[in-house]
C-alpha atoms as a PDB file:
ATOM      1  CA  UNK A   1     -71.113  61.314 141.911  1.00  0.00           C
ATOM      2  CA  UNK A   2     -67.901  61.930 143.786  1.00  0.00           C
ATOM      3  CA  UNK A   3     -65.746  59.083 145.094  1.00  0.00           C
ATOM      4  CA  UNK A   4     -64.141  59.332 148.542  1.00  0.00           C
ATOM      5  CA  UNK A   5     -61.481  57.412 150.281  1.00  0.00           C
ATOM      6  CA  UNK A   6     -60.580  57.690 154.005  1.00  0.00           C
ATOM      7  CA  UNK A   7     -57.271  56.269 155.334  1.00  0.00           C
ATOM      8  CA  UNK A   8     -54.910  57.412 158.096  1.00  0.00           C
ATOM      9  CA  UNK A   9     -56.982  60.498 158.921  1.00  0.00           C
ATOM     10  CA  UNK A  10     -56.880  61.571 155.239  1.00  0.00           C
ATOM     11  CA  UNK A  11     -60.112  62.100 153.361  1.00  0.00           C
ATOM     12  CA  UNK A  12     -59.438  62.037 149.642  1.00  0.00           C
ATOM     13  CA  UNK A  13     -62.156  63.205 147.268  1.00  0.00           C
ATOM     14  CA  UNK A  14     -61.831  62.230 143.633  1.00  0.00           C
ATOM     15  CA  UNK A  15     -63.738  64.808 141.558  1.00  0.00           C
ATOM     16  CA  UNK A  16     -64.609  64.178 137.905  1.00  0.00           C
ATOM     17  CA  UNK A  17     -66.403  65.735 135.004  1.00  0.00           C
ATOM     18  CA  UNK A  18     -67.669  69.303 135.054  1.00  0.00           C
ATOM     19  CA  UNK A  19     -68.049  71.395 138.172  1.00  0.00           C
ATOM     20  CA  UNK A  20     -70.738  74.045 137.653  1.00  0.00           C
ATOM     21  CA  UNK A  21     -73.298  75.600 139.936  1.00  0.00           C
ATOM     22  CA  UNK A  22     -75.659  72.611 140.138  1.00  0.00           C
ATOM     23  CA  UNK A  23     -72.996  70.013 140.464  1.00  0.00           C
ATOM     24  CA  UNK A  24     -70.946  71.974 143.021  1.00  0.00           C
ATOM     25  CA  UNK A  25     -73.964  72.033 145.418  1.00  0.00           C
ATOM     26  CA  UNK A  26     -74.222  68.238 145.306  1.00  0.00           C
ATOM     27  CA  UNK A  27     -70.511  67.857 145.808  1.00  0.00           C
ATOM     28  CA  UNK A  28     -70.510  70.224 148.747  1.00  0.00           C
ATOM     29  CA  UNK A  29     -73.183  68.222 150.542  1.00  0.00           C
ATOM     30  CA  UNK A  30     -71.252  64.993 150.089  1.00  0.00           C
ATOM     31  CA  UNK A  31     -67.886  66.354 151.183  1.00  0.00           C
ATOM     32  CA  UNK A  32     -69.284  68.327 154.193  1.00  0.00           C
ATOM     33  CA  UNK A  33     -71.111  65.254 155.415  1.00  0.00           C
ATOM     34  CA  UNK A  34     -67.894  63.226 155.303  1.00  0.00           C
ATOM     35  CA  UNK A  35     -65.905  66.060 156.998  1.00  0.00           C
ATOM     36  CA  UNK A  36     -68.393  66.335 159.799  1.00  0.00           C
ATOM     37  CA  UNK A  37     -68.606  62.620 160.454  1.00  0.00           C
ATOM     38  CA  UNK A  38     -64.880  61.716 160.013  1.00  0.00           C
ATOM     39  CA  UNK A  39     -63.190  64.955 161.193  1.00  0.00           C
ATOM     40  CA  UNK A  40     -60.098  64.274 158.982  1.00  0.00           C
ATOM     41  CA  UNK A  41     -56.716  65.790 159.673  1.00  0.00           C
ATOM     42  CA  UNK A  42     -56.326  66.354 155.948  1.00  0.00           C
ATOM     43  CA  UNK A  43     -58.824  66.755 153.029  1.00  0.00           C
ATOM     44  CA  UNK A  44     -57.379  66.112 149.637  1.00  0.00           C
ATOM     45  CA  UNK A  45     -59.272  67.235 146.534  1.00  0.00           C
ATOM     46  CA  UNK A  46     -58.108  65.350 143.494  1.00  0.00           C
ATOM     47  CA  UNK A  47     -58.935  67.277 140.315  1.00  0.00           C
ATOM     48  CA  UNK A  48     -57.244  64.818 137.876  1.00  0.00           C
ATOM     49  CA  UNK A  49     -60.515  63.893 136.152  1.00  0.00           C
ATOM     50  CA  UNK A  50     -62.171  67.321 136.127  1.00  0.00           C
ATOM     51  CA  UNK A  51     -62.703  68.592 132.618  1.00  0.00           C
ATOM     52  CA  UNK A  52     -64.283  71.973 133.325  1.00  0.00           C
ATOM     53  CA  UNK A  53     -64.778  74.281 136.316  1.00  0.00           C
ATOM     54  CA  UNK A  54     -66.325  77.761 136.611  1.00  0.00           C
ATOM     55  CA  UNK A  55     -66.409  80.040 139.650  1.00  0.00           C
ATOM     56  CA  UNK A  56     -68.603  77.496 141.430  1.00  0.00           C
ATOM     57  CA  UNK A  57     -65.507  75.273 141.641  1.00  0.00           C
ATOM     58  CA  UNK A  58     -63.597  78.136 143.314  1.00  0.00           C
ATOM     59  CA  UNK A  59     -66.414  78.466 145.817  1.00  0.00           C
ATOM     60  CA  UNK A  60     -66.326  74.733 146.417  1.00  0.00           C
ATOM     61  CA  UNK A  61     -62.655  74.850 147.224  1.00  0.00           C
ATOM     62  CA  UNK A  62     -62.917  77.897 149.502  1.00  0.00           C
ATOM     63  CA  UNK A  63     -65.821  76.454 151.413  1.00  0.00           C
ATOM     64  CA  UNK A  64     -64.076  73.112 151.959  1.00  0.00           C
ATOM     65  CA  UNK A  65     -60.971  75.001 153.105  1.00  0.00           C
ATOM     66  CA  UNK A  66     -63.113  76.616 155.789  1.00  0.00           C
ATOM     67  CA  UNK A  67     -65.087  73.458 156.638  1.00  0.00           C
ATOM     68  CA  UNK A  68     -62.046  71.205 157.204  1.00  0.00           C
ATOM     69  CA  UNK A  69     -60.345  74.024 159.092  1.00  0.00           C
ATOM     70  CA  UNK A  70     -63.255  74.146 161.529  1.00  0.00           C
ATOM     71  CA  UNK A  71     -62.601  70.495 162.537  1.00  0.00           C
ATOM     72  CA  UNK A  72     -58.871  71.119 162.825  1.00  0.00           C
ATOM     73  CA  UNK A  73     -57.822  69.744 159.491  1.00  0.00           C
ATOM     74  CA  UNK A  74     -56.067  71.175 156.419  1.00  0.00           C
ATOM     75  CA  UNK A  75     -56.848  71.212 152.717  1.00  0.00           C
ATOM     76  CA  UNK A  76     -54.621  69.985 149.914  1.00  0.00           C
ATOM     77  CA  UNK A  77     -55.417  70.248 146.228  1.00  0.00           C
ATOM     78  CA  UNK A  78     -53.844  67.687 143.906  1.00  0.00           C
ATOM     79  CA  UNK A  79     -53.580  66.837 140.247  1.00  0.00           C
ATOM     80  CA  UNK A  80     -55.032  70.028 138.746  1.00  0.00           C
ATOM     81  CA  UNK A  81     -55.217  69.742 134.925  1.00  0.00           C
ATOM     82  CA  UNK A  82     -53.439  72.533 133.096  1.00  0.00           C
ATOM     83  CA  UNK A  83     -56.664  73.957 131.672  1.00  0.00           C
ATOM     84  CA  UNK A  84     -57.874  74.600 135.247  1.00  0.00           C
ATOM     85  CA  UNK A  85     -54.649  75.977 136.652  1.00  0.00           C
ATOM     86  CA  UNK A  86     -55.275  79.523 135.281  1.00  0.00           C
ATOM     87  CA  UNK A  87     -58.650  79.794 136.978  1.00  0.00           C
ATOM     88  CA  UNK A  88     -57.240  78.724 140.278  1.00  0.00           C
ATOM     89  CA  UNK A  89     -54.238  81.087 139.998  1.00  0.00           C
ATOM     90  CA  UNK A  90     -56.470  84.067 139.223  1.00  0.00           C
ATOM     91  CA  UNK A  91     -58.679  83.280 142.182  1.00  0.00           C
ATOM     92  CA  UNK A  92     -55.824  83.678 144.659  1.00  0.00           C
ATOM     93  CA  UNK A  93     -56.296  80.220 146.133  1.00  0.00           C
ATOM     94  CA  UNK A  94     -52.617  79.500 145.577  1.00  0.00           C
ATOM     95  CA  UNK A  95     -51.831  82.002 148.343  1.00  0.00           C
ATOM     96  CA  UNK A  96     -53.528  79.679 150.830  1.00  0.00           C
ATOM     97  CA  UNK A  97     -50.701  77.135 150.621  1.00  0.00           C
ATOM     98  CA  UNK A  98     -53.025  74.343 149.608  1.00  0.00           C
ATOM     99  CA  UNK A  99     -50.851  72.964 146.773  1.00  0.00           C
END
């Protein structure tokens, strides 16, 4: 399960383990529910404890970028392990200014 924290209009989501197709779907539901109820000014996705991510993780990031934008917030990605950096760079997400 994902852990979330909400303070000062910032929703921080602490992701951990592997993010694959099945897990990404559950994570999306949790985050979107919190976004819709709290309407945060900033959504922070903390990847410090993520050990693996496939393209589903990229979809997770892109969808949350859009979801938080729809409520007037912005997305920030933090603490990406080096082994995931390459996937994120190749996806083009870095051009969104979320780091």
